[in-house]
Amino acid sequence: MNTKWMGVIVGMVALTIAIVMFPTVLSGTASITGHTHVDTFTGLSNIAKIGPLVIFVSLIFTTGMGFFMTGRRLLGK
């Protein structure tokens, strides 16, 4: 197998892991924001509500860039 195709395979595995782990991140966030006294900690509820979105967007962006860079190598550019 060509080593250039390994980037595509690794990117697909990373994307799969990101999608599979995302419900775990959401359940962790729900347990943090569902706590009775979460509002007593400064900014924790806001960070916990925005955290999963930031994590998901960064994972999608990173895997997308990996696919893009691998595609450029495969096409010889």
N, C-alpha and C. Protein backbone atom coordinates (compact mmCIF):
# COMPACT_ATOMS: atom_id res chain seq x y z
N MET A 1 0.85 -1.19 0.00
CA MET A 1 0.00 0.00 0.00
C MET A 1 0.89 1.24 0.00
N ASN A 2 0.49 2.20 -0.76
CA ASN A 2 1.21 3.45 -0.86
C ASN A 2 1.11 4.20 0.47
N THR A 3 2.23 4.78 0.92
CA THR A 3 2.22 5.48 2.20
C THR A 3 1.39 6.75 2.16
N LYS A 4 1.14 7.27 0.97
CA LYS A 4 0.30 8.46 0.87
C LYS A 4 -1.14 8.18 1.24
N TRP A 5 -1.57 6.95 1.02
CA TRP A 5 -2.95 6.58 1.37
C TRP A 5 -3.13 6.40 2.87
N MET A 6 -2.04 6.28 3.60
CA MET A 6 -2.15 6.14 5.05
C MET A 6 -2.75 7.39 5.68
N GLY A 7 -2.52 8.54 5.10
CA GLY A 7 -3.13 9.77 5.60
C GLY A 7 -4.64 9.74 5.50
N VAL A 8 -5.14 9.17 4.42
CA VAL A 8 -6.59 9.05 4.25
C VAL A 8 -7.16 8.08 5.28
N ILE A 9 -6.48 6.97 5.47
CA ILE A 9 -6.95 5.98 6.43
C ILE A 9 -6.92 6.53 7.85
N VAL A 10 -5.84 7.19 8.22
CA VAL A 10 -5.74 7.79 9.56
C VAL A 10 -6.80 8.87 9.74
N GLY A 11 -7.05 9.65 8.71
CA GLY A 11 -8.09 10.68 8.80
C GLY A 11 -9.47 10.09 8.99
N MET A 12 -9.75 9.00 8.31
CA MET A 12 -11.06 8.35 8.47
C MET A 12 -11.21 7.75 9.87
N VAL A 13 -10.14 7.19 10.40
CA VAL A 13 -10.18 6.64 11.76
C VAL A 13 -10.36 7.77 12.78
N ALA A 14 -9.67 8.88 12.59
CA ALA A 14 -9.80 10.01 13.51
C ALA A 14 -11.21 10.59 13.47
N LEU A 15 -11.78 10.69 12.29
CA LEU A 15 -13.15 11.20 12.18
C LEU A 15 -14.14 10.25 12.84
N THR A 16 -13.94 8.96 12.67
CA THR A 16 -14.82 7.98 13.30
C THR A 16 -14.72 8.04 14.81
N ILE A 17 -13.52 8.14 15.33
CA ILE A 17 -13.33 8.25 16.78
C ILE A 17 -13.98 9.52 17.31
N ALA A 18 -13.84 10.63 16.58
CA ALA A 18 -14.44 11.89 17.03
C ALA A 18 -15.96 11.79 17.09
N ILE A 19 -16.55 11.16 16.09
CA ILE A 19 -18.01 11.05 16.07
C ILE A 19 -18.50 10.08 17.14
N VAL A 20 -17.75 9.01 17.39
CA VAL A 20 -18.16 8.04 18.41
C VAL A 20 -18.00 8.61 19.82
N MET A 21 -16.98 9.42 20.04
CA MET A 21 -16.75 9.97 21.38
C MET A 21 -17.62 11.18 21.71
N PHE A 22 -18.24 11.79 20.72
CA PHE A 22 -18.98 13.03 20.96
C PHE A 22 -20.16 12.85 21.92
N PRO A 23 -20.93 11.76 21.86
CA PRO A 23 -22.00 11.59 22.87
C PRO A 23 -21.48 11.51 24.30
N THR A 24 -20.28 10.98 24.49
CA THR A 24 -19.67 10.94 25.82
C THR A 24 -19.37 12.35 26.30
N VAL A 25 -18.87 13.18 25.40
CA VAL A 25 -18.60 14.58 25.76
C VAL A 25 -19.91 15.29 26.12
N LEU A 26 -20.95 15.03 25.35
CA LEU A 26 -22.25 15.67 25.65
C LEU A 26 -22.83 15.20 26.98
N SER A 27 -22.70 13.93 27.31
CA SER A 27 -23.23 13.45 28.59
C SER A 27 -22.42 14.02 29.76
N GLY A 28 -21.12 14.16 29.58
CA GLY A 28 -20.30 14.81 30.61
C GLY A 28 -20.69 16.26 30.81
N THR A 29 -20.96 16.95 29.73
CA THR A 29 -21.40 18.34 29.82
C THR A 29 -22.76 18.44 30.50
N ALA A 30 -23.65 17.52 30.19
CA ALA A 30 -24.98 17.52 30.81
C ALA A 30 -24.87 17.28 32.31
N SER A 31 -23.94 16.43 32.73
CA SER A 31 -23.80 16.20 34.17
C SER A 31 -23.20 17.40 34.87
N ILE A 32 -22.31 18.13 34.19
CA ILE A 32 -21.74 19.33 34.80
C ILE A 32 -22.80 20.43 34.91
N THR A 33 -23.52 20.68 33.83
CA THR A 33 -24.50 21.76 33.84
C THR A 33 -25.75 21.40 34.63
N GLY A 34 -25.97 20.12 34.87
CA GLY A 34 -27.13 19.71 35.66
C GLY A 34 -26.92 19.78 37.15
N HIS A 35 -25.70 20.08 37.56
CA HIS A 35 -25.40 20.18 38.99
C HIS A 35 -26.13 21.39 39.58
N THR A 36 -26.57 21.24 40.81
CA THR A 36 -27.38 22.28 41.45
C THR A 36 -26.64 23.59 41.63
N HIS A 37 -25.39 23.53 42.03
CA HIS A 37 -24.65 24.74 42.38
C HIS A 37 -23.62 25.13 41.31
N VAL A 38 -23.88 24.80 40.05
CA VAL A 38 -22.91 25.12 39.00
C VAL A 38 -22.82 26.63 38.79
N ASP A 39 -23.86 27.37 39.09
CA ASP A 39 -23.83 28.83 38.89
C ASP A 39 -22.96 29.55 39.90
N THR A 40 -22.55 28.87 40.99
CA THR A 40 -21.69 29.53 41.96
C THR A 40 -20.24 29.61 41.47
N PHE A 41 -19.87 28.80 40.49
CA PHE A 41 -18.53 28.85 39.93
C PHE A 41 -18.54 29.83 38.75
N THR A 42 -17.64 30.78 38.79
CA THR A 42 -17.63 31.85 37.80
C THR A 42 -17.31 31.32 36.41
N GLY A 43 -18.27 31.43 35.51
CA GLY A 43 -18.08 31.09 34.12
C GLY A 43 -18.07 29.61 33.78
N LEU A 44 -18.19 28.73 34.76
CA LEU A 44 -18.12 27.30 34.48
C LEU A 44 -19.26 26.83 33.61
N SER A 45 -20.46 27.30 33.89
CA SER A 45 -21.60 26.84 33.09
C SER A 45 -21.50 27.32 31.64
N ASN A 46 -21.01 28.54 31.45
CA ASN A 46 -20.86 29.05 30.08
C ASN A 46 -19.80 28.27 29.31
N ILE A 47 -18.69 27.98 29.96
CA ILE A 47 -17.62 27.21 29.31
C ILE A 47 -18.09 25.79 29.03
N ALA A 48 -18.83 25.21 29.96
CA ALA A 48 -19.31 23.84 29.78
C ALA A 48 -20.35 23.76 28.67
N LYS A 49 -21.12 24.82 28.47
CA LYS A 49 -22.12 24.80 27.40
C LYS A 49 -21.49 24.99 26.02
N ILE A 50 -20.41 25.77 25.95
CA ILE A 50 -19.76 26.03 24.66
C ILE A 50 -18.68 25.00 24.34
N GLY A 51 -18.16 24.32 25.34
CA GLY A 51 -17.07 23.36 25.16
C GLY A 51 -17.31 22.29 24.11
N PRO A 52 -18.44 21.58 24.13
CA PRO A 52 -18.64 20.53 23.12
C PRO A 52 -18.65 21.06 21.69
N LEU A 53 -19.19 22.24 21.48
CA LEU A 53 -19.19 22.81 20.14
C LEU A 53 -17.77 23.10 19.67
N VAL A 54 -16.96 23.66 20.55
CA VAL A 54 -15.58 23.97 20.20
C VAL A 54 -14.80 22.69 19.91
N ILE A 55 -15.02 21.67 20.74
CA ILE A 55 -14.33 20.40 20.53
C ILE A 55 -14.75 19.77 19.19
N PHE A 56 -16.04 19.76 18.91
CA PHE A 56 -16.53 19.14 17.69
C PHE A 56 -16.04 19.88 16.45
N VAL A 57 -16.11 21.20 16.46
CA VAL A 57 -15.65 21.98 15.30
C VAL A 57 -14.15 21.80 15.10
N SER A 58 -13.37 21.77 16.18
CA SER A 58 -11.93 21.60 16.02
C SER A 58 -11.58 20.21 15.49
N LEU A 59 -12.30 19.18 15.92
CA LEU A 59 -12.05 17.84 15.39
C LEU A 59 -12.41 17.74 13.91
N ILE A 60 -13.54 18.31 13.53
CA ILE A 60 -13.94 18.28 12.13
C ILE A 60 -12.96 19.08 11.27
N PHE A 61 -12.54 20.25 11.75
CA PHE A 61 -11.58 21.07 11.01
C PHE A 61 -10.25 20.36 10.85
N THR A 62 -9.77 19.74 11.93
CA THR A 62 -8.48 19.05 11.88
C THR A 62 -8.51 17.87 10.92
N THR A 63 -9.56 17.07 10.98
CA THR A 63 -9.63 15.95 10.04
C THR A 63 -9.83 16.43 8.61
N GLY A 64 -10.58 17.49 8.42
CA GLY A 64 -10.75 18.05 7.09
C GLY A 64 -9.44 18.56 6.51
N MET A 65 -8.65 19.23 7.34
CA MET A 65 -7.35 19.70 6.87
C MET A 65 -6.43 18.52 6.56
N GLY A 66 -6.53 17.46 7.35
CA GLY A 66 -5.73 16.27 7.08
C GLY A 66 -6.09 15.65 5.74
N PHE A 67 -7.40 15.56 5.47
CA PHE A 67 -7.84 15.04 4.18
C PHE A 67 -7.38 15.94 3.04
N PHE A 68 -7.46 17.25 3.24
CA PHE A 68 -7.05 18.19 2.20
C PHE A 68 -5.57 18.06 1.90
N MET A 69 -4.74 18.03 2.93
CA MET A 69 -3.31 17.94 2.72
C MET A 69 -2.92 16.59 2.11
N THR A 70 -3.60 15.52 2.52
CA THR A 70 -3.33 14.21 1.93
C THR A 70 -3.74 14.19 0.47
N GLY A 71 -4.88 14.78 0.14
CA GLY A 71 -5.32 14.86 -1.23
C GLY A 71 -4.36 15.61 -2.11
N ARG A 72 -3.78 16.67 -1.59
CA ARG A 72 -2.78 17.42 -2.35
C ARG A 72 -1.56 16.57 -2.62
N ARG A 73 -1.15 15.75 -1.63
CA ARG A 73 0.00 14.88 -1.84
C ARG A 73 -0.31 13.78 -2.84
N LEU A 74 -1.54 13.28 -2.80
CA LEU A 74 -1.92 12.22 -3.74
C LEU A 74 -1.97 12.72 -5.17
N LEU A 75 -2.36 13.99 -5.34
CA LEU A 75 -2.44 14.56 -6.68
C LEU A 75 -1.11 15.10 -7.17
N GLY A 76 -0.11 15.13 -6.27
CA GLY A 76 1.22 15.57 -6.68
C GLY A 76 1.39 17.07 -6.70
N LYS A 77 0.59 17.80 -5.95
CA LYS A 77 0.71 19.26 -5.95
C LYS A 77 1.43 19.73 -4.72
